[in-house]
Amino acid sequence: MKSSEKELFDDIDYRILDCIQSVNNISNIQIAEIVNLSAPAVHTRLKKIASQGIIDKQVAILNQQRLGFDLLCYVYMSTDIHREEELRTLEDQLINIDEILECHSLTGEFDYLMKIVVRDRRELAQFIRKLNKMKVTRIQTNLSLREVKSTTALPIKGEF
C-alpha cells in the first residue's frame, strides 16, 4: 500500500479489513460489534475502502479434497520466448488453463511458477502435455504432500 493510501486508514479501518478478509459474509452488524462502531458507520467505511480499490474480490474458498482434487502441485516452467507479443500470447494461454490457480512470472532459474490442482496423476499428465505444446523448454513439477498453512489473509494486524 502506498504511504498516501496508508494515511487515509486508521486503526478501525484496518480492523474492519481484518474482519472481512477472515470471515466470508460477515455482516456489518457483526463487524460493528468487533470494532465498536455502529453498523452504518461500518458500512460507510467499507464503501470508502472499496472505492479506493482495496478489495479485489470477495469469494468462497472451496474445499479441494472434498471436491475430488487430490493433487496440489507447483510447476516451474522455462521458455525461450523473449518477444513481448509472443510472451503475451503464452501468458494468455496460461490464464485460460483451468487447472492453474496461480501463475507468477519469476526471476532466476525458471520463468514461471504455477500453482495447479488436478484430481489425479492422469490429469497431471494431461496438464503437462498442454504445457509442452507451448514452446516450453523445461518443466519441473513438485507435488504438495500436505498443507502446513494456507491463507488468503494479508498480515495487516500489525497496522493497528
N, C-alpha and C. Protein backbone atom coordinates (compact mmCIF):
# COMPACT_ATOMS: atom_id res chain seq x y z
N MET A 1 0.84 -1.17 0.00
CA MET A 1 0.00 0.00 0.00
C MET A 1 0.89 1.24 0.00
N LYS A 2 0.57 2.21 -0.81
CA LYS A 2 1.33 3.45 -0.87
C LYS A 2 1.17 4.21 0.44
N SER A 3 2.18 4.99 0.80
CA SER A 3 2.12 5.72 2.07
C SER A 3 0.95 6.70 2.09
N SER A 4 0.59 7.30 0.95
CA SER A 4 -0.55 8.22 0.91
C SER A 4 -1.86 7.49 1.20
N GLU A 5 -2.00 6.24 0.69
CA GLU A 5 -3.20 5.46 0.99
C GLU A 5 -3.20 5.03 2.44
N LYS A 6 -2.03 4.68 2.96
CA LYS A 6 -1.92 4.22 4.33
C LYS A 6 -2.40 5.29 5.29
N GLU A 7 -2.13 6.54 4.99
CA GLU A 7 -2.53 7.64 5.85
C GLU A 7 -4.04 7.83 5.87
N LEU A 8 -4.75 7.37 4.85
CA LEU A 8 -6.19 7.51 4.79
C LEU A 8 -6.91 6.52 5.70
N PHE A 9 -6.20 5.51 6.18
CA PHE A 9 -6.79 4.50 7.03
C PHE A 9 -6.38 4.70 8.47
N ASP A 10 -7.33 4.46 9.37
CA ASP A 10 -6.98 4.48 10.79
C ASP A 10 -7.07 3.06 11.33
N ASP A 11 -6.85 2.90 12.63
CA ASP A 11 -6.85 1.57 13.24
C ASP A 11 -8.17 0.84 13.03
N ILE A 12 -9.27 1.56 13.07
CA ILE A 12 -10.58 0.93 12.89
C ILE A 12 -10.71 0.38 11.47
N ASP A 13 -10.25 1.15 10.48
CA ASP A 13 -10.29 0.67 9.10
C ASP A 13 -9.51 -0.64 8.97
N TYR A 14 -8.33 -0.70 9.56
CA TYR A 14 -7.53 -1.92 9.49
C TYR A 14 -8.23 -3.08 10.20
N ARG A 15 -8.89 -2.81 11.29
CA ARG A 15 -9.62 -3.86 11.99
C ARG A 15 -10.80 -4.35 11.15
N ILE A 16 -11.46 -3.44 10.47
CA ILE A 16 -12.55 -3.81 9.56
C ILE A 16 -12.01 -4.69 8.43
N LEU A 17 -10.88 -4.27 7.84
CA LEU A 17 -10.26 -5.06 6.78
C LEU A 17 -9.90 -6.46 7.28
N ASP A 18 -9.38 -6.53 8.49
CA ASP A 18 -9.03 -7.83 9.03
C ASP A 18 -10.27 -8.71 9.19
N CYS A 19 -11.38 -8.13 9.62
CA CYS A 19 -12.64 -8.88 9.75
C CYS A 19 -13.11 -9.44 8.42
N ILE A 20 -13.14 -8.60 7.40
CA ILE A 20 -13.72 -9.06 6.13
C ILE A 20 -12.81 -10.03 5.39
N GLN A 21 -11.50 -9.99 5.67
CA GLN A 21 -10.64 -10.95 5.00
C GLN A 21 -10.56 -12.27 5.75
N SER A 22 -11.06 -12.30 6.97
CA SER A 22 -11.01 -13.52 7.78
C SER A 22 -12.29 -14.33 7.75
N VAL A 23 -13.43 -13.66 7.58
CA VAL A 23 -14.73 -14.34 7.65
C VAL A 23 -15.55 -13.95 6.42
N ASN A 24 -15.96 -14.97 5.64
CA ASN A 24 -16.79 -14.72 4.47
C ASN A 24 -18.20 -14.34 4.92
N ASN A 25 -18.80 -13.38 4.27
CA ASN A 25 -20.17 -12.95 4.53
C ASN A 25 -20.41 -12.44 5.95
N ILE A 26 -19.40 -11.85 6.57
CA ILE A 26 -19.61 -11.25 7.88
C ILE A 26 -20.47 -10.00 7.69
N SER A 27 -21.44 -9.82 8.55
CA SER A 27 -22.36 -8.69 8.39
C SER A 27 -21.75 -7.42 8.98
N ASN A 28 -22.28 -6.29 8.56
CA ASN A 28 -21.84 -5.01 9.10
C ASN A 28 -22.13 -4.94 10.60
N ILE A 29 -23.21 -5.57 11.02
CA ILE A 29 -23.55 -5.58 12.45
C ILE A 29 -22.49 -6.35 13.24
N GLN A 30 -22.07 -7.49 12.71
CA GLN A 30 -21.04 -8.27 13.39
C GLN A 30 -19.71 -7.51 13.43
N ILE A 31 -19.36 -6.87 12.33
CA ILE A 31 -18.12 -6.08 12.30
C ILE A 31 -18.23 -4.93 13.30
N ALA A 32 -19.39 -4.28 13.33
CA ALA A 32 -19.60 -3.15 14.23
C ALA A 32 -19.37 -3.57 15.69
N GLU A 33 -19.83 -4.74 16.05
CA GLU A 33 -19.62 -5.23 17.42
C GLU A 33 -18.14 -5.44 17.71
N ILE A 34 -17.41 -5.96 16.73
CA ILE A 34 -15.99 -6.24 16.91
C ILE A 34 -15.17 -4.95 17.03
N VAL A 35 -15.49 -3.95 16.19
CA VAL A 35 -14.67 -2.73 16.14
C VAL A 35 -15.27 -1.59 16.97
N ASN A 36 -16.42 -1.87 17.61
CA ASN A 36 -17.06 -0.89 18.49
C ASN A 36 -17.50 0.38 17.76
N LEU A 37 -18.23 0.15 16.66
CA LEU A 37 -18.84 1.23 15.88
C LEU A 37 -20.28 0.84 15.60
N SER A 38 -21.04 1.75 15.02
CA SER A 38 -22.39 1.42 14.57
C SER A 38 -22.31 0.73 13.21
N ALA A 39 -23.32 -0.04 12.88
CA ALA A 39 -23.35 -0.71 11.58
C ALA A 39 -23.33 0.29 10.41
N PRO A 40 -24.08 1.40 10.49
CA PRO A 40 -23.99 2.38 9.40
C PRO A 40 -22.58 2.98 9.23
N ALA A 41 -21.88 3.18 10.35
CA ALA A 41 -20.51 3.70 10.26
C ALA A 41 -19.59 2.68 9.60
N VAL A 42 -19.78 1.41 9.91
CA VAL A 42 -19.00 0.36 9.26
C VAL A 42 -19.30 0.35 7.77
N HIS A 43 -20.58 0.45 7.41
CA HIS A 43 -20.98 0.47 6.00
C HIS A 43 -20.30 1.62 5.26
N THR A 44 -20.29 2.80 5.86
CA THR A 44 -19.66 3.97 5.25
C THR A 44 -18.16 3.73 5.05
N ARG A 45 -17.51 3.18 6.06
CA ARG A 45 -16.08 2.92 5.95
C ARG A 45 -15.79 1.86 4.88
N LEU A 46 -16.63 0.83 4.81
CA LEU A 46 -16.43 -0.20 3.78
C LEU A 46 -16.61 0.37 2.38
N LYS A 47 -17.56 1.26 2.20
CA LYS A 47 -17.74 1.90 0.89
C LYS A 47 -16.50 2.72 0.52
N LYS A 48 -15.94 3.43 1.49
CA LYS A 48 -14.72 4.23 1.25
C LYS A 48 -13.57 3.31 0.88
N ILE A 49 -13.42 2.22 1.63
CA ILE A 49 -12.34 1.26 1.36
C ILE A 49 -12.51 0.67 -0.04
N ALA A 50 -13.72 0.26 -0.38
CA ALA A 50 -13.99 -0.34 -1.69
C ALA A 50 -13.74 0.66 -2.81
N SER A 51 -14.10 1.92 -2.60
CA SER A 51 -13.92 2.93 -3.64
C SER A 51 -12.45 3.19 -3.94
N GLN A 52 -11.58 2.85 -3.01
CA GLN A 52 -10.14 3.03 -3.22
C GLN A 52 -9.49 1.80 -3.84
N GLY A 53 -10.29 0.80 -4.18
CA GLY A 53 -9.76 -0.38 -4.85
C GLY A 53 -9.01 -1.33 -3.93
N ILE A 54 -9.22 -1.25 -2.64
CA ILE A 54 -8.51 -2.10 -1.68
C ILE A 54 -9.06 -3.53 -1.70
N ILE A 55 -10.34 -3.69 -1.97
CA ILE A 55 -10.97 -5.00 -2.01
C ILE A 55 -10.99 -5.47 -3.46
N ASP A 56 -10.19 -6.49 -3.77
CA ASP A 56 -10.15 -7.01 -5.14
C ASP A 56 -11.41 -7.80 -5.46
N LYS A 57 -11.78 -8.74 -4.58
CA LYS A 57 -12.99 -9.53 -4.79
C LYS A 57 -13.32 -10.26 -3.51
N GLN A 58 -14.55 -10.69 -3.39
CA GLN A 58 -14.99 -11.48 -2.26
C GLN A 58 -15.53 -12.80 -2.81
N VAL A 59 -14.95 -13.90 -2.32
CA VAL A 59 -15.30 -15.22 -2.84
C VAL A 59 -15.40 -16.23 -1.70
N ALA A 60 -16.01 -17.36 -2.00
CA ALA A 60 -15.97 -18.51 -1.09
C ALA A 60 -14.81 -19.39 -1.51
N ILE A 61 -14.06 -19.89 -0.56
CA ILE A 61 -12.94 -20.79 -0.86
C ILE A 61 -13.44 -22.22 -0.65
N LEU A 62 -13.40 -22.99 -1.72
CA LEU A 62 -13.94 -24.34 -1.71
C LEU A 62 -12.91 -25.34 -1.20
N ASN A 63 -13.38 -26.44 -0.64
CA ASN A 63 -12.52 -27.50 -0.14
C ASN A 63 -12.13 -28.41 -1.30
N GLN A 64 -10.88 -28.33 -1.73
CA GLN A 64 -10.47 -29.06 -2.93
C GLN A 64 -10.51 -30.57 -2.73
N GLN A 65 -10.16 -31.08 -1.56
CA GLN A 65 -10.19 -32.53 -1.35
C GLN A 65 -11.62 -33.07 -1.42
N ARG A 66 -12.56 -32.39 -0.81
CA ARG A 66 -13.95 -32.85 -0.83
C ARG A 66 -14.55 -32.82 -2.23
N LEU A 67 -13.96 -32.01 -3.10
CA LEU A 67 -14.43 -31.95 -4.48
C LEU A 67 -13.62 -32.86 -5.40
N GLY A 68 -12.73 -33.65 -4.81
CA GLY A 68 -12.00 -34.66 -5.58
C GLY A 68 -10.69 -34.20 -6.21
N PHE A 69 -10.21 -33.03 -5.86
CA PHE A 69 -8.94 -32.54 -6.39
C PHE A 69 -7.84 -32.93 -5.40
N ASP A 70 -7.26 -34.11 -5.61
CA ASP A 70 -6.33 -34.68 -4.64
C ASP A 70 -4.88 -34.28 -4.84
N LEU A 71 -4.53 -33.71 -5.97
CA LEU A 71 -3.14 -33.31 -6.20
C LEU A 71 -3.01 -31.80 -6.32
N LEU A 72 -2.28 -31.23 -5.40
CA LEU A 72 -1.90 -29.82 -5.48
C LEU A 72 -0.44 -29.83 -5.86
N CYS A 73 -0.11 -29.15 -6.95
CA CYS A 73 1.25 -29.19 -7.49
C CYS A 73 1.77 -27.78 -7.73
N TYR A 74 3.09 -27.67 -7.66
CA TYR A 74 3.77 -26.44 -8.03
C TYR A 74 4.62 -26.78 -9.25
N VAL A 75 4.38 -26.07 -10.32
CA VAL A 75 5.04 -26.37 -11.58
C VAL A 75 5.91 -25.17 -11.96
N TYR A 76 7.21 -25.44 -12.10
CA TYR A 76 8.15 -24.44 -12.59
C TYR A 76 8.29 -24.65 -14.08
N MET A 77 8.33 -23.57 -14.84
CA MET A 77 8.39 -23.68 -16.28
C MET A 77 9.35 -22.64 -16.85
N SER A 78 10.13 -23.06 -17.83
CA SER A 78 11.01 -22.15 -18.57
C SER A 78 10.64 -22.18 -20.03
N THR A 79 10.91 -21.07 -20.69
CA THR A 79 10.64 -20.94 -22.12
C THR A 79 11.75 -20.12 -22.76
N ASP A 80 11.92 -20.28 -24.07
CA ASP A 80 12.90 -19.48 -24.81
C ASP A 80 12.27 -18.24 -25.43
N ILE A 81 11.02 -17.99 -25.14
CA ILE A 81 10.32 -16.85 -25.72
C ILE A 81 10.80 -15.57 -25.03
N HIS A 82 11.12 -14.57 -25.84
CA HIS A 82 11.58 -13.29 -25.29
C HIS A 82 10.86 -12.10 -25.91
N ARG A 83 10.20 -12.31 -27.04
CA ARG A 83 9.49 -11.20 -27.68
C ARG A 83 8.20 -10.93 -26.95
N GLU A 84 7.92 -9.65 -26.76
CA GLU A 84 6.76 -9.19 -25.98
C GLU A 84 5.45 -9.81 -26.44
N GLU A 85 5.19 -9.77 -27.75
CA GLU A 85 3.89 -10.27 -28.23
C GLU A 85 3.77 -11.78 -28.06
N GLU A 86 4.88 -12.50 -28.23
CA GLU A 86 4.84 -13.96 -28.01
C GLU A 86 4.65 -14.29 -26.54
N LEU A 87 5.27 -13.50 -25.66
CA LEU A 87 5.07 -13.70 -24.22
C LEU A 87 3.62 -13.44 -23.84
N ARG A 88 3.03 -12.40 -24.41
CA ARG A 88 1.62 -12.10 -24.15
C ARG A 88 0.73 -13.26 -24.59
N THR A 89 1.03 -13.84 -25.74
CA THR A 89 0.26 -14.97 -26.24
C THR A 89 0.40 -16.17 -25.29
N LEU A 90 1.63 -16.45 -24.87
CA LEU A 90 1.86 -17.55 -23.93
C LEU A 90 1.09 -17.32 -22.63
N GLU A 91 1.19 -16.12 -22.09
CA GLU A 91 0.53 -15.83 -20.83
C GLU A 91 -0.99 -15.86 -20.96
N ASP A 92 -1.52 -15.45 -22.10
CA ASP A 92 -2.96 -15.58 -22.34
C ASP A 92 -3.38 -17.05 -22.34
N GLN A 93 -2.54 -17.90 -22.92
CA GLN A 93 -2.83 -19.33 -22.91
C GLN A 93 -2.82 -19.87 -21.48
N LEU A 94 -1.83 -19.46 -20.69
CA LEU A 94 -1.75 -19.92 -19.29
C LEU A 94 -2.95 -19.45 -18.49
N ILE A 95 -3.37 -18.22 -18.70
CA ILE A 95 -4.53 -17.66 -17.99
C ILE A 95 -5.77 -18.50 -18.24
N ASN A 96 -5.88 -19.07 -19.42
CA ASN A 96 -7.09 -19.81 -19.80
C ASN A 96 -7.05 -21.30 -19.47
N ILE A 97 -6.05 -21.74 -18.74
CA ILE A 97 -5.99 -23.15 -18.31
C ILE A 97 -6.62 -23.24 -16.93
N ASP A 98 -7.72 -23.95 -16.83
CA ASP A 98 -8.50 -24.01 -15.59
C ASP A 98 -7.73 -24.59 -14.41
N GLU A 99 -6.84 -25.53 -14.64
CA GLU A 99 -6.12 -26.17 -13.54
C GLU A 99 -5.17 -25.22 -12.81
N ILE A 100 -4.78 -24.14 -13.47
CA ILE A 100 -3.83 -23.19 -12.88
C ILE A 100 -4.59 -22.26 -11.94
N LEU A 101 -4.24 -22.35 -10.65
CA LEU A 101 -4.83 -21.47 -9.64
C LEU A 101 -4.08 -20.15 -9.55
N GLU A 102 -2.77 -20.23 -9.69
CA GLU A 102 -1.92 -19.04 -9.65
C GLU A 102 -0.79 -19.24 -10.66
N CYS A 103 -0.36 -18.15 -11.25
CA CYS A 103 0.78 -18.20 -12.17
C CYS A 103 1.58 -16.92 -11.96
N HIS A 104 2.87 -17.09 -11.72
CA HIS A 104 3.74 -15.95 -11.44
C HIS A 104 4.93 -15.96 -12.40
N SER A 105 5.26 -14.81 -12.95
CA SER A 105 6.47 -14.64 -13.73
C SER A 105 7.61 -14.42 -12.74
N LEU A 106 8.72 -15.14 -12.94
CA LEU A 106 9.80 -15.15 -11.95
C LEU A 106 11.10 -14.59 -12.48
N THR A 107 11.97 -14.23 -11.56
CA THR A 107 13.38 -14.04 -11.87
C THR A 107 14.07 -15.34 -11.49
N GLY A 108 15.26 -15.55 -11.96
CA GLY A 108 16.01 -16.73 -11.54
C GLY A 108 15.99 -17.83 -12.58
N GLU A 109 16.11 -19.05 -12.10
CA GLU A 109 16.30 -20.23 -12.95
C GLU A 109 15.12 -20.53 -13.85
N PHE A 110 13.89 -20.31 -13.37
CA PHE A 110 12.68 -20.59 -14.15
C PHE A 110 11.97 -19.28 -14.48
N ASP A 111 11.17 -19.32 -15.55
CA ASP A 111 10.43 -18.13 -15.97
C ASP A 111 9.08 -17.99 -15.30
N TYR A 112 8.45 -19.12 -14.95
CA TYR A 112 7.11 -19.10 -14.37
C TYR A 112 7.00 -20.13 -13.25
N LEU A 113 6.17 -19.80 -12.28
CA LEU A 113 5.77 -20.74 -11.23
C LEU A 113 4.25 -20.78 -11.23
N MET A 114 3.71 -21.99 -11.31
CA MET A 114 2.26 -22.17 -11.31
C MET A 114 1.85 -23.04 -10.14
N LYS A 115 0.77 -22.66 -9.51
CA LYS A 115 0.12 -23.50 -8.51
C LYS A 115 -1.07 -24.11 -9.22
N ILE A 116 -1.09 -25.45 -9.30
CA ILE A 116 -2.16 -26.11 -10.04
C ILE A 116 -2.86 -27.14 -9.15
N VAL A 117 -4.07 -27.46 -9.52
CA VAL A 117 -4.81 -28.51 -8.82
C VAL A 117 -5.41 -29.44 -9.87
N VAL A 118 -5.24 -30.74 -9.63
CA VAL A 118 -5.78 -31.77 -10.51
C VAL A 118 -6.32 -32.89 -9.64
N ARG A 119 -7.14 -33.74 -10.25
CA ARG A 119 -7.75 -34.84 -9.49
C ARG A 119 -6.79 -36.01 -9.25
N ASP A 120 -5.93 -36.28 -10.24
CA ASP A 120 -5.08 -37.47 -10.11
C ASP A 120 -3.88 -37.36 -11.05
N ARG A 121 -3.06 -38.41 -11.08
CA ARG A 121 -1.85 -38.40 -11.91
C ARG A 121 -2.18 -38.32 -13.39
N ARG A 122 -3.27 -38.92 -13.80
CA ARG A 122 -3.67 -38.87 -15.21
C ARG A 122 -3.93 -37.43 -15.62
N GLU A 123 -4.66 -36.68 -14.80
CA GLU A 123 -4.92 -35.26 -15.12
C GLU A 123 -3.63 -34.45 -15.08
N LEU A 124 -2.71 -34.80 -14.18
CA LEU A 124 -1.42 -34.11 -14.14
C LEU A 124 -0.67 -34.34 -15.44
N ALA A 125 -0.68 -35.56 -15.93
CA ALA A 125 -0.01 -35.87 -17.20
C ALA A 125 -0.64 -35.08 -18.35
N GLN A 126 -1.96 -34.98 -18.36
CA GLN A 126 -2.65 -34.20 -19.40
C GLN A 126 -2.27 -32.73 -19.31
N PHE A 127 -2.17 -32.21 -18.09
CA PHE A 127 -1.78 -30.81 -17.89
C PHE A 127 -0.38 -30.57 -18.44
N ILE A 128 0.54 -31.46 -18.13
CA ILE A 128 1.92 -31.29 -18.60
C ILE A 128 1.98 -31.35 -20.12
N ARG A 129 1.16 -32.20 -20.72
CA ARG A 129 1.09 -32.26 -22.19
C ARG A 129 0.62 -30.93 -22.77
N LYS A 130 -0.33 -30.27 -22.10
CA LYS A 130 -0.78 -28.94 -22.55
C LYS A 130 0.39 -27.96 -22.55
N LEU A 131 1.18 -27.98 -21.47
CA LEU A 131 2.32 -27.07 -21.39
C LEU A 131 3.35 -27.36 -22.47
N ASN A 132 3.58 -28.61 -22.76
CA ASN A 132 4.58 -28.99 -23.76
C ASN A 132 4.23 -28.49 -25.16
N LYS A 133 2.99 -28.14 -25.40
CA LYS A 133 2.57 -27.60 -26.70
C LYS A 133 2.82 -26.10 -26.81
N MET A 134 3.39 -25.49 -25.77
CA MET A 134 3.50 -24.02 -25.69
C MET A 134 4.94 -23.50 -25.75
N LYS A 135 5.81 -24.09 -26.49
CA LYS A 135 7.19 -23.62 -26.60
C LYS A 135 7.90 -23.58 -25.24
N VAL A 136 7.67 -24.62 -24.45
CA VAL A 136 8.29 -24.73 -23.14
C VAL A 136 9.61 -25.46 -23.30
N THR A 137 10.66 -24.98 -22.62
CA THR A 137 11.96 -25.64 -22.71
C THR A 137 12.23 -26.53 -21.52
N ARG A 138 11.59 -26.24 -20.38
CA ARG A 138 11.85 -27.03 -19.18
C ARG A 138 10.67 -26.94 -18.23
N ILE A 139 10.31 -28.08 -17.64
CA ILE A 139 9.23 -28.14 -16.65
C ILE A 139 9.74 -28.94 -15.46
N GLN A 140 9.47 -28.42 -14.28
CA GLN A 140 9.74 -29.17 -13.05
C GLN A 140 8.47 -29.14 -12.22
N THR A 141 8.00 -30.31 -11.82
CA THR A 141 6.75 -30.41 -11.07
C THR A 141 7.04 -30.93 -9.67
N ASN A 142 6.51 -30.23 -8.68
CA ASN A 142 6.61 -30.66 -7.29
C ASN A 142 5.20 -30.88 -6.77
N LEU A 143 4.96 -32.03 -6.14
CA LEU A 143 3.65 -32.33 -5.56
C LEU A 143 3.65 -31.95 -4.09
N SER A 144 2.59 -31.34 -3.66
CA SER A 144 2.43 -31.00 -2.25
C SER A 144 2.01 -32.25 -1.50
N LEU A 145 2.77 -32.61 -0.47
CA LEU A 145 2.43 -33.78 0.33
C LEU A 145 1.32 -33.48 1.34
N ARG A 146 1.41 -32.30 1.94
CA ARG A 146 0.38 -31.87 2.88
C ARG A 146 0.47 -30.36 3.03
N GLU A 147 -0.63 -29.79 3.41
CA GLU A 147 -0.69 -28.35 3.58
C GLU A 147 -0.37 -28.01 5.03
N VAL A 148 0.66 -27.21 5.23
CA VAL A 148 1.04 -26.78 6.56
C VAL A 148 0.31 -25.49 6.94
N LYS A 149 0.18 -24.59 5.98
CA LYS A 149 -0.55 -23.34 6.20
C LYS A 149 -1.12 -22.88 4.88
N SER A 150 -2.34 -22.39 4.92
CA SER A 150 -2.95 -21.80 3.74
C SER A 150 -3.83 -20.65 4.20
N THR A 151 -3.59 -19.50 3.65
CA THR A 151 -4.41 -18.34 3.98
C THR A 151 -4.44 -17.39 2.80
N THR A 152 -5.49 -16.62 2.73
CA THR A 152 -5.55 -15.52 1.77
C THR A 152 -5.47 -14.18 2.51
N ALA A 153 -5.41 -14.25 3.83
CA ALA A 153 -5.40 -13.03 4.66
C ALA A 153 -4.02 -12.37 4.64
N LEU A 154 -4.01 -11.08 4.33
CA LEU A 154 -2.77 -10.31 4.39
C LEU A 154 -2.45 -10.01 5.85
N PRO A 155 -1.18 -9.93 6.21
CA PRO A 155 -0.80 -9.70 7.61
C PRO A 155 -0.90 -8.23 8.03
N ILE A 156 -2.11 -7.70 8.00
CA ILE A 156 -2.29 -6.28 8.33
C ILE A 156 -2.52 -6.04 9.81
N LYS A 157 -2.59 -7.08 10.62
CA LYS A 157 -2.88 -6.92 12.04
C LYS A 157 -1.89 -6.00 12.73
N GLY A 158 -0.65 -6.02 12.29
CA GLY A 158 0.36 -5.16 12.90
C GLY A 158 0.14 -3.68 12.65
N GLU A 159 -0.79 -3.35 11.75
CA GLU A 159 -1.06 -1.96 11.40
C GLU A 159 -1.84 -1.22 12.48
N PHE A 160 -2.58 -1.97 13.31
CA PHE A 160 -3.40 -1.28 14.33
C PHE A 160 -3.00 -1.70 15.71
